[in-house]
PDB file of all heavy atoms in Angstrom:
ATOM      1  N   GLU A   1      45.937  63.195  81.574  1.00  0.00           N
ATOM      2  CA  GLU A   1      44.945  63.117  80.499  1.00  0.00           C
ATOM      3  C   GLU A   1      44.698  64.494  79.880  1.00  0.00           C
ATOM      4  O   GLU A   1      44.768  65.515  80.559  1.00  0.00           O
ATOM      5  CB  GLU A   1      43.624  62.519  81.003  1.00  0.00           C
ATOM      6  CG  GLU A   1      42.939  63.342  82.056  1.00  0.00           C
ATOM      7  CD  GLU A   1      41.597  62.765  82.482  1.00  0.00           C
ATOM      8  OE1 GLU A   1      40.819  62.356  81.582  1.00  0.00           O
ATOM      9  OE2 GLU A   1      41.321  62.738  83.706  1.00  0.00           O
ATOM     10  N   SER A   2      44.420  64.493  78.594  1.00  0.00           N
ATOM     11  CA  SER A   2      44.170  65.729  77.855  1.00  0.00           C
ATOM     12  C   SER A   2      42.731  66.172  78.028  1.00  0.00           C
ATOM     13  O   SER A   2      41.802  65.371  77.959  1.00  0.00           O
ATOM     14  CB  SER A   2      44.473  65.514  76.374  1.00  0.00           C
ATOM     15  OG  SER A   2      44.100  66.642  75.612  1.00  0.00           O
ATOM     16  N   LEU A   3      42.560  67.492  78.219  1.00  0.00           N
ATOM     17  CA  LEU A   3      41.233  68.111  78.261  1.00  0.00           C
ATOM     18  C   LEU A   3      41.209  69.274  77.268  1.00  0.00           C
ATOM     19  O   LEU A   3      40.965  70.409  77.629  1.00  0.00           O
ATOM     20  CB  LEU A   3      40.919  68.614  79.681  1.00  0.00           C
ATOM     21  CG  LEU A   3      41.004  67.599  80.827  1.00  0.00           C
ATOM     22  CD1 LEU A   3      40.860  68.307  82.149  1.00  0.00           C
ATOM     23  CD2 LEU A   3      39.931  66.523  80.662  1.00  0.00           C
ATOM     24  N   LYS A   4      41.528  68.991  76.031  1.00  0.00           N
ATOM     25  CA  LYS A   4      41.649  69.994  74.955  1.00  0.00           C
ATOM     26  C   LYS A   4      42.745  71.001  75.290  1.00  0.00           C
ATOM     27  O   LYS A   4      43.907  70.710  75.132  1.00  0.00           O
ATOM     28  CB  LYS A   4      40.294  70.679  74.695  1.00  0.00           C
ATOM     29  CG  LYS A   4      39.285  69.723  74.088  1.00  0.00           C
ATOM     30  CD  LYS A   4      38.030  70.459  73.660  1.00  0.00           C
ATOM     31  CE  LYS A   4      37.044  69.508  72.986  1.00  0.00           C
ATOM     32  NZ  LYS A   4      35.805  70.176  72.566  1.00  0.00           N
ATOM     33  N   ASP A   5      42.391  72.199  75.737  1.00  0.00           N
ATOM     34  CA  ASP A   5      43.396  73.220  76.030  1.00  0.00           C
ATOM     35  C   ASP A   5      43.965  73.097  77.440  1.00  0.00           C
ATOM     36  O   ASP A   5      44.746  73.950  77.879  1.00  0.00           O
ATOM     37  CB  ASP A   5      42.811  74.612  75.851  1.00  0.00           C
ATOM     38  CG  ASP A   5      42.427  74.885  74.405  1.00  0.00           C
ATOM     39  OD1 ASP A   5      43.081  74.337  73.511  1.00  0.00           O
ATOM     40  OD2 ASP A   5      41.480  75.654  74.189  1.00  0.00           O
ATOM     41  N   TYR A   6      43.569  72.044  78.150  1.00  0.00           N
ATOM     42  CA  TYR A   6      44.061  71.812  79.506  1.00  0.00           C
ATOM     43  C   TYR A   6      44.507  70.352  79.632  1.00  0.00           C
ATOM     44  O   TYR A   6      44.213  69.520  78.765  1.00  0.00           O
ATOM     45  CB  TYR A   6      42.950  72.059  80.534  1.00  0.00           C
ATOM     46  CG  TYR A   6      42.556  73.528  80.645  1.00  0.00           C
ATOM     47  CD1 TYR A   6      41.680  74.109  79.728  1.00  0.00           C
ATOM     48  CD2 TYR A   6      43.049  74.319  81.685  1.00  0.00           C
ATOM     49  CE1 TYR A   6      41.329  75.453  79.833  1.00  0.00           C
ATOM     50  CE2 TYR A   6      42.671  75.658  81.799  1.00  0.00           C
ATOM     51  CZ  TYR A   6      41.822  76.213  80.869  1.00  0.00           C
ATOM     52  OH  TYR A   6      41.464  77.531  80.974  1.00  0.00           O
ATOM     53  N   VAL A   7      45.220  70.062  80.695  1.00  0.00           N
ATOM     54  CA  VAL A   7      45.519  68.668  81.036  1.00  0.00           C
ATOM     55  C   VAL A   7      45.172  68.462  82.503  1.00  0.00           C
ATOM     56  O   VAL A   7      45.224  69.406  83.309  1.00  0.00           O
ATOM     57  CB  VAL A   7      46.999  68.301  80.790  1.00  0.00           C
ATOM     58  CG1 VAL A   7      47.348  68.358  79.322  1.00  0.00           C
ATOM     59  CG2 VAL A   7      47.934  69.162  81.610  1.00  0.00           C
ATOM     60  N   ARG A   8      44.797  67.225  82.840  1.00  0.00           N
ATOM     61  CA  ARG A   8      44.571  66.890  84.240  1.00  0.00           C
ATOM     62  C   ARG A   8      45.687  65.933  84.671  1.00  0.00           C
ATOM     63  O   ARG A   8      45.871  64.872  84.077  1.00  0.00           O
ATOM     64  CB  ARG A   8      43.203  66.228  84.439  1.00  0.00           C
ATOM     65  CG  ARG A   8      42.939  65.862  85.918  1.00  0.00           C
ATOM     66  CD  ARG A   8      41.593  65.197  86.084  1.00  0.00           C
ATOM     67  NE  ARG A   8      40.500  66.171  85.956  1.00  0.00           N
ATOM     68  CZ  ARG A   8      39.452  66.014  85.154  1.00  0.00           C
ATOM     69  NH1 ARG A   8      39.348  64.940  84.384  1.00  0.00           N
ATOM     70  NH2 ARG A   8      38.521  66.928  85.093  1.00  0.00           N
ATOM     71  N   ILE A   9      46.424  66.347  85.699  1.00  0.00           N
ATOM     72  CA  ILE A   9      47.516  65.527  86.217  1.00  0.00           C
ATOM     73  C   ILE A   9      47.013  64.758  87.435  1.00  0.00           C
ATOM     74  O   ILE A   9      46.635  65.351  88.447  1.00  0.00           O
ATOM     75  CB  ILE A   9      48.721  66.406  86.613  1.00  0.00           C
ATOM     76  CG1 ILE A   9      49.191  67.247  85.423  1.00  0.00           C
ATOM     77  CG2 ILE A   9      49.873  65.545  87.126  1.00  0.00           C
ATOM     78  CD1 ILE A   9      50.249  68.271  85.780  1.00  0.00           C
ATOM     79  N   HIS A  10      46.995  63.451  87.313  1.00  0.00           N
ATOM     80  CA  HIS A  10      46.570  62.592  88.419  1.00  0.00           C
ATOM     81  C   HIS A  10      47.811  62.158  89.198  1.00  0.00           C
ATOM     82  O   HIS A  10      48.697  61.506  88.647  1.00  0.00           O
ATOM     83  CB  HIS A  10      45.843  61.355  87.886  1.00  0.00           C
ATOM     84  CG  HIS A  10      44.579  61.662  87.142  1.00  0.00           C
ATOM     85  ND1 HIS A  10      43.325  61.480  87.689  1.00  0.00           N
ATOM     86  CD2 HIS A  10      44.380  62.152  85.897  1.00  0.00           C
ATOM     87  CE1 HIS A  10      42.393  61.827  86.805  1.00  0.00           C
ATOM     88  NE2 HIS A  10      43.021  62.242  85.696  1.00  0.00           N
ATOM     89  N   THR A  11      47.876  62.524  90.459  1.00  0.00           N
ATOM     90  CA  THR A  11      49.019  62.130  91.297  1.00  0.00           C
ATOM     91  C   THR A  11      48.537  61.180  92.381  1.00  0.00           C
ATOM     92  O   THR A  11      47.334  60.891  92.502  1.00  0.00           O
ATOM     93  CB  THR A  11      49.688  63.370  91.938  1.00  0.00           C
ATOM     94  OG1 THR A  11      48.845  63.876  92.972  1.00  0.00           O
ATOM     95  CG2 THR A  11      49.954  64.457  90.897  1.00  0.00           C
ATOM     96  N   THR A  12      49.465  60.723  93.209  1.00  0.00           N
ATOM     97  CA  THR A  12      49.101  59.812  94.282  1.00  0.00           C
ATOM     98  C   THR A  12      48.243  60.458  95.344  1.00  0.00           C
ATOM     99  O   THR A  12      47.568  59.776  96.117  1.00  0.00           O
ATOM    100  CB  THR A  12      50.386  59.276  94.951  1.00  0.00           C
ATOM    101  OG1 THR A  12      51.206  60.396  95.336  1.00  0.00           O
ATOM    102  CG2 THR A  12      51.165  58.385  93.998  1.00  0.00           C
ATOM    103  N   SER A  13      48.221  61.809  95.359  1.00  0.00           N
ATOM    104  CA  SER A  13      47.455  62.485  96.408  1.00  0.00           C
ATOM    105  C   SER A  13      46.476  63.538  95.900  1.00  0.00           C
ATOM    106  O   SER A  13      45.705  64.091  96.686  1.00  0.00           O
ATOM    107  CB  SER A  13      48.417  63.179  97.391  1.00  0.00           C
ATOM    108  OG  SER A  13      49.216  64.147  96.712  1.00  0.00           O
ATOM    109  N   ASN A  14      46.479  63.802  94.570  1.00  0.00           N
ATOM    110  CA  ASN A  14      45.696  64.938  94.103  1.00  0.00           C
ATOM    111  C   ASN A  14      45.399  64.813  92.610  1.00  0.00           C
ATOM    112  O   ASN A  14      45.948  63.950  91.924  1.00  0.00           O
ATOM    113  CB  ASN A  14      46.470  66.235  94.368  1.00  0.00           C
ATOM    114  CG  ASN A  14      45.559  67.423  94.572  1.00  0.00           C
ATOM    115  OD1 ASN A  14      44.380  67.370  94.246  1.00  0.00           O
ATOM    116  ND2 ASN A  14      46.108  68.506  95.085  1.00  0.00           N
ATOM    117  N   ARG A  15      44.506  65.675  92.111  1.00  0.00           N
ATOM    118  CA  ARG A  15      44.256  65.840  90.675  1.00  0.00           C
ATOM    119  C   ARG A  15      44.335  67.329  90.379  1.00  0.00           C
ATOM    120  O   ARG A  15      43.592  68.110  90.958  1.00  0.00           O
ATOM    121  CB  ARG A  15      42.894  65.282  90.275  1.00  0.00           C
ATOM    122  CG  ARG A  15      42.777  63.768  90.398  1.00  0.00           C
ATOM    123  CD  ARG A  15      41.493  63.257  89.767  1.00  0.00           C
ATOM    124  NE  ARG A  15      40.306  63.878  90.366  1.00  0.00           N
ATOM    125  CZ  ARG A  15      39.076  63.718  89.900  1.00  0.00           C
ATOM    126  NH1 ARG A  15      38.853  62.993  88.820  1.00  0.00           N
ATOM    127  NH2 ARG A  15      38.054  64.316  90.494  1.00  0.00           N
ATOM    128  N   LEU A  16      45.211  67.703  89.476  1.00  0.00           N
ATOM    129  CA  LEU A  16      45.444  69.104  89.169  1.00  0.00           C
ATOM    130  C   LEU A  16      45.122  69.380  87.716  1.00  0.00           C
ATOM    131  O   LEU A  16      45.597  68.672  86.825  1.00  0.00           O
ATOM    132  CB  LEU A  16      46.904  69.474  89.450  1.00  0.00           C
ATOM    133  CG  LEU A  16      47.407  69.221  90.878  1.00  0.00           C
ATOM    134  CD1 LEU A  16      48.916  69.396  90.931  1.00  0.00           C
ATOM    135  CD2 LEU A  16      46.738  70.166  91.843  1.00  0.00           C
ATOM    136  N   VAL A  17      44.346  70.428  87.452  1.00  0.00           N
ATOM    137  CA  VAL A  17      44.013  70.835  86.090  1.00  0.00           C
ATOM    138  C   VAL A  17      44.894  72.020  85.733  1.00  0.00           C
ATOM    139  O   VAL A  17      44.899  73.042  86.424  1.00  0.00           O
ATOM    140  CB  VAL A  17      42.530  71.187  85.944  1.00  0.00           C
ATOM    141  CG1 VAL A  17      42.240  71.697  84.523  1.00  0.00           C
ATOM    142  CG2 VAL A  17      41.661  69.964  86.245  1.00  0.00           C
ATOM    143  N   VAL A  18      45.641  71.863  84.620  1.00  0.00           N
ATOM    144  CA  VAL A  18      46.640  72.863  84.214  1.00  0.00           C
ATOM    145  C   VAL A  18      46.340  73.310  82.790  1.00  0.00           C
ATOM    146  O   VAL A  18      46.036  72.476  81.920  1.00  0.00           O
ATOM    147  CB  VAL A  18      48.060  72.264  84.285  1.00  0.00           C
ATOM    148  CG1 VAL A  18      49.099  73.285  83.864  1.00  0.00           C
ATOM    149  CG2 VAL A  18      48.346  71.721  85.686  1.00  0.00           C
ATOM    150  N   LYS A  19      46.451  74.618  82.533  1.00  0.00           N
ATOM    151  CA  LYS A  19      46.292  75.116  81.167  1.00  0.00           C
ATOM    152  C   LYS A  19      47.551  74.767  80.373  1.00  0.00           C
ATOM    153  O   LYS A  19      48.602  75.393  80.545  1.00  0.00           O
ATOM    154  CB  LYS A  19      46.034  76.622  81.136  1.00  0.00           C
ATOM    155  CG  LYS A  19      45.731  77.144  79.730  1.00  0.00           C
ATOM    156  CD  LYS A  19      45.217  78.559  79.748  1.00  0.00           C
ATOM    157  CE  LYS A  19      44.956  79.087  78.343  1.00  0.00           C
ATOM    158  NZ  LYS A  19      44.068  78.225  77.543  1.00  0.00           N
ATOM    159  N   SER A  20      47.446  73.769  79.537  1.00  0.00           N
ATOM    160  CA  SER A  20      48.559  73.293  78.714  1.00  0.00           C
ATOM    161  C   SER A  20      47.981  72.281  77.749  1.00  0.00           C
ATOM    162  O   SER A  20      46.790  71.933  77.829  1.00  0.00           O
ATOM    163  CB  SER A  20      49.645  72.657  79.589  1.00  0.00           C
ATOM    164  OG  SER A  20      50.730  72.225  78.812  1.00  0.00           O
ATOM    165  N   ASN A  21      48.792  71.797  76.820  1.00  0.00           N
ATOM    166  CA  ASN A  21      48.339  70.666  76.008  1.00  0.00           C
ATOM    167  C   ASN A  21      49.222  69.477  76.289  1.00  0.00           C
ATOM    168  O   ASN A  21      50.313  69.604  76.862  1.00  0.00           O
ATOM    169  CB  ASN A  21      48.322  71.019  74.503  1.00  0.00           C
ATOM    170  CG  ASN A  21      49.680  71.354  73.968  1.00  0.00           C
ATOM    171  OD1 ASN A  21      50.623  70.577  74.077  1.00  0.00           O
ATOM    172  ND2 ASN A  21      49.809  72.535  73.361  1.00  0.00           N
ATOM    173  N   ILE A  22      48.772  68.309  75.911  1.00  0.00           N
ATOM    174  CA  ILE A  22      49.478  67.096  76.320  1.00  0.00           C
ATOM    175  C   ILE A  22      50.833  66.968  75.644  1.00  0.00           C
ATOM    176  O   ILE A  22      51.751  66.352  76.181  1.00  0.00           O
ATOM    177  CB  ILE A  22      48.586  65.855  76.089  1.00  0.00           C
ATOM    178  CG1 ILE A  22      49.084  64.703  76.954  1.00  0.00           C
ATOM    179  CG2 ILE A  22      48.517  65.498  74.603  1.00  0.00           C
ATOM    180  CD1 ILE A  22      48.064  63.647  77.247  1.00  0.00           C
ATOM    181  N   GLY A  23      50.978  67.564  74.451  1.00  0.00           N
ATOM    182  CA  GLY A  23      52.286  67.538  73.787  1.00  0.00           C
ATOM    183  C   GLY A  23      53.331  68.313  74.575  1.00  0.00           C
ATOM    184  O   GLY A  23      54.456  67.849  74.754  1.00  0.00           O
ATOM    185  N   LYS A  24      52.967  69.496  75.042  1.00  0.00           N
ATOM    186  CA  LYS A  24      53.888  70.289  75.860  1.00  0.00           C
ATOM    187  C   LYS A  24      54.214  69.559  77.156  1.00  0.00           C
ATOM    188  O   LYS A  24      55.356  69.572  77.623  1.00  0.00           O
ATOM    189  CB  LYS A  24      53.250  71.643  76.196  1.00  0.00           C
ATOM    190  CG  LYS A  24      53.428  72.699  75.130  1.00  0.00           C
ATOM    191  CD  LYS A  24      52.929  74.026  75.647  1.00  0.00           C
ATOM    192  CE  LYS A  24      53.158  75.145  74.634  1.00  0.00           C
ATOM    193  NZ  LYS A  24      52.648  76.448  75.132  1.00  0.00           N
ATOM    194  N   MET A  25      53.199  68.938  77.743  1.00  0.00           N
ATOM    195  CA  MET A  25      53.422  68.221  78.995  1.00  0.00           C
ATOM    196  C   MET A  25      54.379  67.052  78.781  1.00  0.00           C
ATOM    197  O   MET A  25      55.279  66.812  79.595  1.00  0.00           O
ATOM    198  CB  MET A  25      52.074  67.712  79.527  1.00  0.00           C
ATOM    199  CG  MET A  25      52.133  67.198  80.947  1.00  0.00           C
ATOM    200  SD  MET A  25      52.662  68.417  82.187  1.00  0.00           S
ATOM    201  CE  MET A  25      51.441  69.710  81.980  1.00  0.00           C
ATOM    202  N   GLU A  26      54.226  66.355  77.678  1.00  0.00           N
ATOM    203  CA  GLU A  26      55.096  65.222  77.367  1.00  0.00           C
ATOM    204  C   GLU A  26      56.562  65.671  77.281  1.00  0.00           C
ATOM    205  O   GLU A  26      57.471  64.964  77.725  1.00  0.00           O
ATOM    206  CB  GLU A  26      54.673  64.567  76.065  1.00  0.00           C
ATOM    207  CG  GLU A  26      55.469  63.318  75.716  1.00  0.00           C
ATOM    208  CD  GLU A  26      55.012  62.690  74.395  1.00  0.00           C
ATOM    209  OE1 GLU A  26      54.294  63.374  73.640  1.00  0.00           O
ATOM    210  OE2 GLU A  26      55.365  61.533  74.149  1.00  0.00           O
ATOM    211  N   GLU A  27      56.791  66.849  76.730  1.00  0.00           N
ATOM    212  CA  GLU A  27      58.154  67.355  76.587  1.00  0.00           C
ATOM    213  C   GLU A  27      58.815  67.653  77.930  1.00  0.00           C
ATOM    214  O   GLU A  27      60.047  67.666  78.030  1.00  0.00           O
ATOM    215  CB  GLU A  27      58.162  68.632  75.735  1.00  0.00           C
ATOM    216  CG  GLU A  27      57.895  68.386  74.267  1.00  0.00           C
ATOM    217  CD  GLU A  27      58.124  69.630  73.443  1.00  0.00           C
ATOM    218  OE1 GLU A  27      58.243  70.727  74.041  1.00  0.00           O
ATOM    219  OE2 GLU A  27      58.177  69.516  72.206  1.00  0.00           O
ATOM    220  N   GLN A  28      58.033  67.867  78.967  1.00  0.00           N
ATOM    221  CA  GLN A  28      58.579  68.174  80.283  1.00  0.00           C
ATOM    222  C   GLN A  28      58.907  66.921  81.087  1.00  0.00           C
ATOM    223  O   GLN A  28      59.516  67.028  82.158  1.00  0.00           O
ATOM    224  CB  GLN A  28      57.593  69.044  81.070  1.00  0.00           C
ATOM    225  CG  GLN A  28      57.378  70.425  80.496  1.00  0.00           C
ATOM    226  CD  GLN A  28      56.419  71.243  81.335  1.00  0.00           C
ATOM    227  OE1 GLN A  28      55.227  71.304  81.061  1.00  0.00           O
ATOM    228  NE2 GLN A  28      56.928  71.884  82.367  1.00  0.00           N
TER     229      GLN A  28
END
């Protein structure tokens, strides 16, 4: 999920907040 200048990655075991935007994340 997008958090403006960050994204939160929800995994099966954790939630990680990363400085990125969702467009960049989608490309990966």
